[in-house]
């Protein structure tokens, strides 16, 4: 499920994600570029444990790494709870 805009809802309740309906059968992909900053080219994947290693291998084969600064900014935003205040529930 590719859901970069899933956190953005302007009216009413957001629709449930496919992953919430089938957590063991759906790989969920999101992006920080749509919810934090357009230039932040950083995404994330939530996947069933049985395919985690294959996803890590695919990531390693496709590029060298994601910039450390970008990862640190996202980490701090999540750790401090800033994301929760940035995007109203």
PDB file of N, CA and C in Angstrom:
ATOM      1  N   UNK A   1       0.856  -1.166   0.000  1.00  0.00           N
ATOM      2  CA  UNK A   1       0.000   0.000   0.000  1.00  0.00           C
ATOM      3  C   UNK A   1       0.905   1.232   0.000  1.00  0.00           C
ATOM      4  N   UNK A   2       0.908   1.967  -1.079  1.00  0.00           N
ATOM      5  CA  UNK A   2       1.691   3.192  -1.197  1.00  0.00           C
ATOM      6  C   UNK A   2       0.800   4.347  -0.770  1.00  0.00           C
ATOM      7  N   UNK A   3       1.076   4.929   0.396  1.00  0.00           N
ATOM      8  CA  UNK A   3       0.154   5.882   1.009  1.00  0.00           C
ATOM      9  C   UNK A   3       0.865   7.167   1.459  1.00  0.00           C
ATOM     10  N   UNK A   4       1.500   7.903   0.532  1.00  0.00           N
ATOM     11  CA  UNK A   4       2.226   9.102   0.960  1.00  0.00           C
ATOM     12  C   UNK A   4       1.329  10.213   1.496  1.00  0.00           C
ATOM     13  N   UNK A   5       0.074  10.233   1.101  1.00  0.00           N
ATOM     14  CA  UNK A   5      -0.838  11.297   1.532  1.00  0.00           C
ATOM     15  C   UNK A   5      -1.810  10.838   2.612  1.00  0.00           C
ATOM     16  N   UNK A   6      -1.592   9.663   3.169  1.00  0.00           N
ATOM     17  CA  UNK A   6      -2.526   9.096   4.137  1.00  0.00           C
ATOM     18  C   UNK A   6      -2.721   9.919   5.396  1.00  0.00           C
ATOM     19  N   UNK A   7      -1.713  10.680   5.794  1.00  0.00           N
ATOM     20  CA  UNK A   7      -1.817  11.501   7.003  1.00  0.00           C
ATOM     21  C   UNK A   7      -2.544  12.816   6.764  1.00  0.00           C
ATOM     22  N   UNK A   8      -2.801  13.140   5.496  1.00  0.00           N
ATOM     23  CA  UNK A   8      -3.437  14.413   5.164  1.00  0.00           C
ATOM     24  C   UNK A   8      -4.919  14.192   4.896  1.00  0.00           C
ATOM     25  N   UNK A   9      -5.737  14.760   5.746  1.00  0.00           N
ATOM     26  CA  UNK A   9      -7.179  14.660   5.593  1.00  0.00           C
ATOM     27  C   UNK A   9      -7.772  16.022   5.942  1.00  0.00           C
ATOM     28  N   UNK A  10      -8.566  16.561   5.046  1.00  0.00           N
ATOM     29  CA  UNK A  10      -9.073  17.912   5.254  1.00  0.00           C
ATOM     30  C   UNK A  10     -10.476  17.948   5.838  1.00  0.00           C
ATOM     31  N   UNK A  11     -11.254  16.932   5.563  1.00  0.00           N
ATOM     32  CA  UNK A  11     -12.604  16.881   6.126  1.00  0.00           C
ATOM     33  C   UNK A  11     -12.929  15.446   6.532  1.00  0.00           C
ATOM     34  N   UNK A  12     -13.609  15.303   7.617  1.00  0.00           N
ATOM     35  CA  UNK A  12     -14.053  13.988   8.062  1.00  0.00           C
ATOM     36  C   UNK A  12     -12.918  13.097   8.519  1.00  0.00           C
ATOM     37  N   UNK A  13     -13.259  11.881   8.831  1.00  0.00           N
ATOM     38  CA  UNK A  13     -12.278  10.905   9.278  1.00  0.00           C
ATOM     39  C   UNK A  13     -11.536  10.323   8.084  1.00  0.00           C
ATOM     40  N   UNK A  14     -10.255  10.021   8.298  1.00  0.00           N
ATOM     41  CA  UNK A  14      -9.470   9.376   7.253  1.00  0.00           C
ATOM     42  C   UNK A  14      -9.960   7.934   7.073  1.00  0.00           C
ATOM     43  N   UNK A  15      -9.833   7.443   5.867  1.00  0.00           N
ATOM     44  CA  UNK A  15     -10.198   6.050   5.608  1.00  0.00           C
ATOM     45  C   UNK A  15      -9.164   5.131   6.244  1.00  0.00           C
ATOM     46  N   UNK A  16      -9.553   3.939   6.656  1.00  0.00           N
ATOM     47  CA  UNK A  16      -8.569   3.016   7.232  1.00  0.00           C
ATOM     48  C   UNK A  16      -7.584   2.547   6.160  1.00  0.00           C
ATOM     49  N   UNK A  17      -6.351   2.337   6.575  1.00  0.00           N
ATOM     50  CA  UNK A  17      -5.363   1.827   5.625  1.00  0.00           C
ATOM     51  C   UNK A  17      -5.634   0.358   5.345  1.00  0.00           C
ATOM     52  N   UNK A  18      -5.152  -0.112   4.208  1.00  0.00           N
ATOM     53  CA  UNK A  18      -5.285  -1.537   3.897  1.00  0.00           C
ATOM     54  C   UNK A  18      -4.535  -2.376   4.925  1.00  0.00           C
ATOM     55  N   UNK A  19      -3.387  -1.848   5.383  1.00  0.00           N
ATOM     56  CA  UNK A  19      -2.587  -2.579   6.366  1.00  0.00           C
ATOM     57  C   UNK A  19      -3.357  -2.760   7.670  1.00  0.00           C
ATOM     58  N   UNK A  20      -4.146  -1.781   8.070  1.00  0.00           N
ATOM     59  CA  UNK A  20      -4.916  -1.924   9.305  1.00  0.00           C
ATOM     60  C   UNK A  20      -5.960  -3.034   9.180  1.00  0.00           C
ATOM     61  N   UNK A  21      -6.346  -3.337   7.959  1.00  0.00           N
ATOM     62  CA  UNK A  21      -7.331  -4.402   7.725  1.00  0.00           C
ATOM     63  C   UNK A  21      -6.676  -5.775   7.576  1.00  0.00           C
ATOM     64  N   UNK A  22      -5.372  -5.786   7.200  1.00  0.00           N
ATOM     65  CA  UNK A  22      -4.665  -7.049   6.983  1.00  0.00           C
ATOM     66  C   UNK A  22      -3.174  -6.869   7.281  1.00  0.00           C
ATOM     67  N   UNK A  23      -2.786  -6.743   8.548  1.00  0.00           N
ATOM     68  CA  UNK A  23      -1.399  -6.417   8.891  1.00  0.00           C
ATOM     69  C   UNK A  23      -0.366  -7.453   8.447  1.00  0.00           C
ATOM     70  N   UNK A  24      -0.743  -8.707   8.331  1.00  0.00           N
ATOM     71  CA  UNK A  24       0.215  -9.736   7.926  1.00  0.00           C
ATOM     72  C   UNK A  24       0.302  -9.903   6.415  1.00  0.00           C
ATOM     73  N   UNK A  25      -0.560  -9.220   5.675  1.00  0.00           N
ATOM     74  CA  UNK A  25      -0.573  -9.407   4.230  1.00  0.00           C
ATOM     75  C   UNK A  25      -0.309  -8.150   3.423  1.00  0.00           C
ATOM     76  N   UNK A  26      -0.038  -7.027   4.105  1.00  0.00           N
ATOM     77  CA  UNK A  26       0.143  -5.761   3.395  1.00  0.00           C
ATOM     78  C   UNK A  26       1.439  -5.096   3.842  1.00  0.00           C
ATOM     79  N   UNK A  27       2.206  -4.629   2.871  1.00  0.00           N
ATOM     80  CA  UNK A  27       3.381  -3.801   3.136  1.00  0.00           C
ATOM     81  C   UNK A  27       2.930  -2.347   2.976  1.00  0.00           C
ATOM     82  N   UNK A  28       3.163  -1.540   4.010  1.00  0.00           N
ATOM     83  CA  UNK A  28       2.714  -0.145   4.025  1.00  0.00           C
ATOM     84  C   UNK A  28       3.907   0.770   3.796  1.00  0.00           C
ATOM     85  N   UNK A  29       3.775   1.715   2.862  1.00  0.00           N
ATOM     86  CA  UNK A  29       4.838   2.676   2.576  1.00  0.00           C
ATOM     87  C   UNK A  29       4.310   4.085   2.768  1.00  0.00           C
ATOM     88  N   UNK A  30       5.079   4.899   3.496  1.00  0.00           N
ATOM     89  CA  UNK A  30       4.718   6.290   3.722  1.00  0.00           C
ATOM     90  C   UNK A  30       5.897   7.197   3.418  1.00  0.00           C
ATOM     91  N   UNK A  31       5.673   8.493   3.501  1.00  0.00           N
ATOM     92  CA  UNK A  31       6.707   9.468   3.168  1.00  0.00           C
ATOM     93  C   UNK A  31       6.675  10.634   4.134  1.00  0.00           C
ATOM     94  N   UNK A  32       7.860  11.066   4.561  1.00  0.00           N
ATOM     95  CA  UNK A  32       7.950  12.261   5.388  1.00  0.00           C
ATOM     96  C   UNK A  32       7.904  13.529   4.540  1.00  0.00           C
ATOM     97  N   UNK A  33       8.156  13.414   3.237  1.00  0.00           N
ATOM     98  CA  UNK A  33       8.175  14.610   2.383  1.00  0.00           C
ATOM     99  C   UNK A  33       6.809  15.267   2.271  1.00  0.00           C
ATOM    100  N   UNK A  34       5.758  14.508   2.435  1.00  0.00           N
ATOM    101  CA  UNK A  34       4.410  15.073   2.318  1.00  0.00           C
ATOM    102  C   UNK A  34       3.901  15.652   3.632  1.00  0.00           C
ATOM    103  N   UNK A  35       4.488  15.236   4.762  1.00  0.00           N
ATOM    104  CA  UNK A  35       3.965  15.688   6.054  1.00  0.00           C
ATOM    105  C   UNK A  35       4.923  16.586   6.829  1.00  0.00           C
ATOM    106  N   UNK A  36       6.212  16.599   6.463  1.00  0.00           N
ATOM    107  CA  UNK A  36       7.168  17.457   7.170  1.00  0.00           C
ATOM    108  C   UNK A  36       7.721  18.563   6.283  1.00  0.00           C
ATOM    109  N   UNK A  37       8.361  18.180   5.183  1.00  0.00           N
ATOM    110  CA  UNK A  37       8.975  19.163   4.292  1.00  0.00           C
ATOM    111  C   UNK A  37       9.104  18.558   2.899  1.00  0.00           C
ATOM    112  N   UNK A  38       8.735  19.303   1.860  1.00  0.00           N
ATOM    113  CA  UNK A  38       8.771  18.754   0.504  1.00  0.00           C
ATOM    114  C   UNK A  38      10.154  18.270   0.066  1.00  0.00           C
ATOM    115  N   UNK A  39      11.204  18.903   0.546  1.00  0.00           N
ATOM    116  CA  UNK A  39      12.550  18.495   0.160  1.00  0.00           C
ATOM    117  C   UNK A  39      13.087  17.306   0.933  1.00  0.00           C
ATOM    118  N   UNK A  40      12.352  16.847   1.916  1.00  0.00           N
ATOM    119  CA  UNK A  40      12.813  15.720   2.739  1.00  0.00           C
ATOM    120  C   UNK A  40      12.502  14.425   2.003  1.00  0.00           C
ATOM    121  N   UNK A  41      13.465  13.917   1.312  1.00  0.00           N
ATOM    122  CA  UNK A  41      13.277  12.716   0.497  1.00  0.00           C
ATOM    123  C   UNK A  41      13.511  11.476   1.348  1.00  0.00           C
ATOM    124  N   UNK A  42      12.579  11.233   2.255  1.00  0.00           N
ATOM    125  CA  UNK A  42      12.722  10.122   3.187  1.00  0.00           C
ATOM    126  C   UNK A  42      11.365   9.456   3.366  1.00  0.00           C
ATOM    127  N   UNK A  43      11.351   8.160   3.175  1.00  0.00           N
ATOM    128  CA  UNK A  43      10.134   7.400   3.360  1.00  0.00           C
ATOM    129  C   UNK A  43      10.341   6.305   4.387  1.00  0.00           C
ATOM    130  N   UNK A  44       9.311   5.522   4.590  1.00  0.00           N
ATOM    131  CA  UNK A  44       9.393   4.420   5.538  1.00  0.00           C
ATOM    132  C   UNK A  44       8.494   3.287   5.076  1.00  0.00           C
ATOM    133  N   UNK A  45       8.797   2.119   5.569  1.00  0.00           N
ATOM    134  CA  UNK A  45       8.012   0.923   5.252  1.00  0.00           C
ATOM    135  C   UNK A  45       7.658   0.220   6.557  1.00  0.00           C
ATOM    136  N   UNK A  46       6.416  -0.200   6.661  1.00  0.00           N
ATOM    137  CA  UNK A  46       5.964  -1.059   7.751  1.00  0.00           C
ATOM    138  C   UNK A  46       5.543  -2.365   7.085  1.00  0.00           C
ATOM    139  N   UNK A  47       6.235  -3.440   7.446  1.00  0.00           N
ATOM    140  CA  UNK A  47       6.012  -4.702   6.743  1.00  0.00           C
ATOM    141  C   UNK A  47       5.943  -5.869   7.717  1.00  0.00           C
ATOM    142  N   UNK A  48       5.312  -6.947   7.273  1.00  0.00           N
ATOM    143  CA  UNK A  48       5.315  -8.160   8.089  1.00  0.00           C
ATOM    144  C   UNK A  48       6.752  -8.634   8.325  1.00  0.00           C
ATOM    145  N   UNK A  49       6.999  -9.171   9.494  1.00  0.00           N
ATOM    146  CA  UNK A  49       8.350  -9.584   9.883  1.00  0.00           C
ATOM    147  C   UNK A  49       8.973 -10.577   8.907  1.00  0.00           C
ATOM    148  N   UNK A  50       8.170 -11.456   8.331  1.00  0.00           N
ATOM    149  CA  UNK A  50       8.730 -12.509   7.476  1.00  0.00           C
ATOM    150  C   UNK A  50       9.342 -11.985   6.176  1.00  0.00           C
ATOM    151  N   UNK A  51       9.097 -10.738   5.795  1.00  0.00           N
ATOM    152  CA  UNK A  51       9.736 -10.209   4.586  1.00  0.00           C
ATOM    153  C   UNK A  51      10.694  -9.058   4.877  1.00  0.00           C
ATOM    154  N   UNK A  52      10.897  -8.749   6.151  1.00  0.00           N
ATOM    155  CA  UNK A  52      11.770  -7.633   6.535  1.00  0.00           C
ATOM    156  C   UNK A  52      13.159  -7.749   5.920  1.00  0.00           C
ATOM    157  N   UNK A  53      13.812  -8.902   6.039  1.00  0.00           N
ATOM    158  CA  UNK A  53      15.171  -9.069   5.543  1.00  0.00           C
ATOM    159  C   UNK A  53      15.245  -8.848   4.037  1.00  0.00           C
ATOM    160  N   UNK A  54      14.255  -9.326   3.298  1.00  0.00           N
ATOM    161  CA  UNK A  54      14.236  -9.139   1.837  1.00  0.00           C
ATOM    162  C   UNK A  54      14.132  -7.657   1.482  1.00  0.00           C
ATOM    163  N   UNK A  55      13.371  -6.897   2.244  1.00  0.00           N
ATOM    164  CA  UNK A  55      13.261  -5.461   2.003  1.00  0.00           C
ATOM    165  C   UNK A  55      14.581  -4.744   2.302  1.00  0.00           C
ATOM    166  N   UNK A  56      15.250  -5.147   3.363  1.00  0.00           N
ATOM    167  CA  UNK A  56      16.566  -4.579   3.684  1.00  0.00           C
ATOM    168  C   UNK A  56      17.537  -4.874   2.539  1.00  0.00           C
ATOM    169  N   UNK A  57      17.543  -6.081   2.026  1.00  0.00           N
ATOM    170  CA  UNK A  57      18.411  -6.435   0.913  1.00  0.00           C
ATOM    171  C   UNK A  57      18.098  -5.601  -0.329  1.00  0.00           C
ATOM    172  N   UNK A  58      16.829  -5.397  -0.613  1.00  0.00           N
ATOM    173  CA  UNK A  58      16.438  -4.597  -1.787  1.00  0.00           C
ATOM    174  C   UNK A  58      16.893  -3.151  -1.627  1.00  0.00           C
ATOM    175  N   UNK A  59      16.755  -2.600  -0.445  1.00  0.00           N
ATOM    176  CA  UNK A  59      17.208  -1.235  -0.177  1.00  0.00           C
ATOM    177  C   UNK A  59      18.711  -1.123  -0.362  1.00  0.00           C
ATOM    178  N   UNK A  60      19.458  -2.057   0.202  1.00  0.00           N
ATOM    179  CA  UNK A  60      20.908  -2.027   0.085  1.00  0.00           C
ATOM    180  C   UNK A  60      21.370  -2.193  -1.357  1.00  0.00           C
ATOM    181  N   UNK A  61      20.642  -2.944  -2.155  1.00  0.00           N
ATOM    182  CA  UNK A  61      21.015  -3.149  -3.553  1.00  0.00           C
ATOM    183  C   UNK A  61      20.669  -1.944  -4.431  1.00  0.00           C
ATOM    184  N   UNK A  62      19.719  -1.127  -3.967  1.00  0.00           N
ATOM    185  CA  UNK A  62      19.246  -0.031  -4.819  1.00  0.00           C
ATOM    186  C   UNK A  62      19.981   1.283  -4.599  1.00  0.00           C
ATOM    187  N   UNK A  63      20.573   1.493  -3.426  1.00  0.00           N
ATOM    188  CA  UNK A  63      21.347   2.713  -3.188  1.00  0.00           C
ATOM    189  C   UNK A  63      22.327   2.488  -2.048  1.00  0.00           C
ATOM    190  N   UNK A  64      23.183   3.463  -1.831  1.00  0.00           N
ATOM    191  CA  UNK A  64      24.184   3.323  -0.774  1.00  0.00           C
ATOM    192  C   UNK A  64      23.607   3.613   0.597  1.00  0.00           C
ATOM    193  N   UNK A  65      22.926   4.748   0.745  1.00  0.00           N
ATOM    194  CA  UNK A  65      22.329   5.093   2.032  1.00  0.00           C
ATOM    195  C   UNK A  65      21.472   6.347   1.886  1.00  0.00           C
ATOM    196  N   UNK A  66      20.639   6.562   2.865  1.00  0.00           N
ATOM    197  CA  UNK A  66      19.856   7.787   2.964  1.00  0.00           C
ATOM    198  C   UNK A  66      20.694   8.775   3.776  1.00  0.00           C
ATOM    199  N   UNK A  67      20.717  10.062   3.395  1.00  0.00           N
ATOM    200  CA  UNK A  67      21.544  11.025   4.127  1.00  0.00           C
ATOM    201  C   UNK A  67      21.293  11.003   5.637  1.00  0.00           C
ATOM    202  N   UNK A  68      22.363  10.980   6.398  1.00  0.00           N
ATOM    203  CA  UNK A  68      22.275  10.899   7.861  1.00  0.00           C
ATOM    204  C   UNK A  68      21.530  12.079   8.461  1.00  0.00           C
ATOM    205  N   UNK A  69      21.755  13.281   7.924  1.00  0.00           N
ATOM    206  CA  UNK A  69      21.087  14.462   8.469  1.00  0.00           C
ATOM    207  C   UNK A  69      19.572  14.336   8.339  1.00  0.00           C
ATOM    208  N   UNK A  70      19.108  13.894   7.182  1.00  0.00           N
ATOM    209  CA  UNK A  70      17.669  13.721   6.948  1.00  0.00           C
ATOM    210  C   UNK A  70      17.090  12.692   7.914  1.00  0.00           C
ATOM    211  N   UNK A  71      17.800  11.599   8.103  1.00  0.00           N
ATOM    212  CA  UNK A  71      17.336  10.581   9.041  1.00  0.00           C
ATOM    213  C   UNK A  71      17.284  11.124  10.466  1.00  0.00           C
ATOM    214  N   UNK A  72      18.287  11.920  10.832  1.00  0.00           N
ATOM    215  CA  UNK A  72      18.335  12.474  12.194  1.00  0.00           C
ATOM    216  C   UNK A  72      17.182  13.443  12.445  1.00  0.00           C
ATOM    217  N   UNK A  73      16.876  14.277  11.450  1.00  0.00           N
ATOM    218  CA  UNK A  73      15.758  15.210  11.596  1.00  0.00           C
ATOM    219  C   UNK A  73      14.460  14.439  11.814  1.00  0.00           C
ATOM    220  N   UNK A  74      14.216  13.426  11.007  1.00  0.00           N
ATOM    221  CA  UNK A  74      12.993  12.627  11.160  1.00  0.00           C
ATOM    222  C   UNK A  74      12.972  11.938  12.526  1.00  0.00           C
ATOM    223  N   UNK A  75      14.088  11.410  12.954  1.00  0.00           N
ATOM    224  CA  UNK A  75      14.179  10.753  14.252  1.00  0.00           C
ATOM    225  C   UNK A  75      13.804  11.714  15.382  1.00  0.00           C
ATOM    226  N   UNK A  76      14.370  12.912  15.352  1.00  0.00           N
ATOM    227  CA  UNK A  76      14.097  13.894  16.409  1.00  0.00           C
ATOM    228  C   UNK A  76      12.629  14.322  16.400  1.00  0.00           C
ATOM    229  N   UNK A  77      12.064  14.497  15.216  1.00  0.00           N
ATOM    230  CA  UNK A  77      10.653  14.881  15.109  1.00  0.00           C
ATOM    231  C   UNK A  77       9.762  13.800  15.716  1.00  0.00           C
ATOM    232  N   UNK A  78      10.079  12.550  15.441  1.00  0.00           N
ATOM    233  CA  UNK A  78       9.291  11.445  15.993  1.00  0.00           C
ATOM    234  C   UNK A  78       9.528  11.284  17.492  1.00  0.00           C
ATOM    235  N   UNK A  79      10.783  11.358  17.918  1.00  0.00           N
ATOM    236  CA  UNK A  79      11.144  11.137  19.319  1.00  0.00           C
ATOM    237  C   UNK A  79      10.533  12.192  20.240  1.00  0.00           C
ATOM    238  N   UNK A  80      10.531  13.441  19.796  1.00  0.00           N
ATOM    239  CA  UNK A  80      10.053  14.529  20.649  1.00  0.00           C
ATOM    240  C   UNK A  80       8.541  14.716  20.599  1.00  0.00           C
ATOM    241  N   UNK A  81       7.861  14.015  19.696  1.00  0.00           N
ATOM    242  CA  UNK A  81       6.414  14.167  19.579  1.00  0.00           C
ATOM    243  C   UNK A  81       5.996  15.341  18.721  1.00  0.00           C
ATOM    244  N   UNK A  82       6.954  15.997  18.073  1.00  0.00           N
ATOM    245  CA  UNK A  82       6.640  17.147  17.234  1.00  0.00           C
ATOM    246  C   UNK A  82       5.695  16.780  16.091  1.00  0.00           C
ATOM    247  N   UNK A  83       5.819  15.580  15.567  1.00  0.00           N
ATOM    248  CA  UNK A  83       4.946  15.164  14.473  1.00  0.00           C
ATOM    249  C   UNK A  83       3.483  15.184  14.911  1.00  0.00           C
ATOM    250  N   UNK A  84       3.220  14.769  16.146  1.00  0.00           N
ATOM    251  CA  UNK A  84       1.843  14.749  16.654  1.00  0.00           C
ATOM    252  C   UNK A  84       1.248  16.155  16.748  1.00  0.00           C
ATOM    253  N   UNK A  85       2.081  17.149  17.044  1.00  0.00           N
ATOM    254  CA  UNK A  85       1.583  18.527  17.108  1.00  0.00           C
ATOM    255  C   UNK A  85       1.546  19.172  15.721  1.00  0.00           C
ATOM    256  N   UNK A  86       2.371  18.671  14.810  1.00  0.00           N
ATOM    257  CA  UNK A  86       2.437  19.205  13.450  1.00  0.00           C
ATOM    258  C   UNK A  86       1.226  18.782  12.622  1.00  0.00           C
ATOM    259  N   UNK A  87       0.765  17.560  12.853  1.00  0.00           N
ATOM    260  CA  UNK A  87      -0.388  17.023  12.119  1.00  0.00           C
ATOM    261  C   UNK A  87      -1.490  16.734  13.127  1.00  0.00           C
ATOM    262  N   UNK A  88      -2.554  17.523  13.130  1.00  0.00           N
ATOM    263  CA  UNK A  88      -3.656  17.268  14.073  1.00  0.00           C
ATOM    264  C   UNK A  88      -4.314  15.918  13.800  1.00  0.00           C
ATOM    265  N   UNK A  89      -4.765  15.255  14.843  1.00  0.00           N
ATOM    266  CA  UNK A  89      -5.452  13.966  14.659  1.00  0.00           C
ATOM    267  C   UNK A  89      -6.891  14.198  14.311  1.00  0.00           C
TER     268      UNK A  89
END
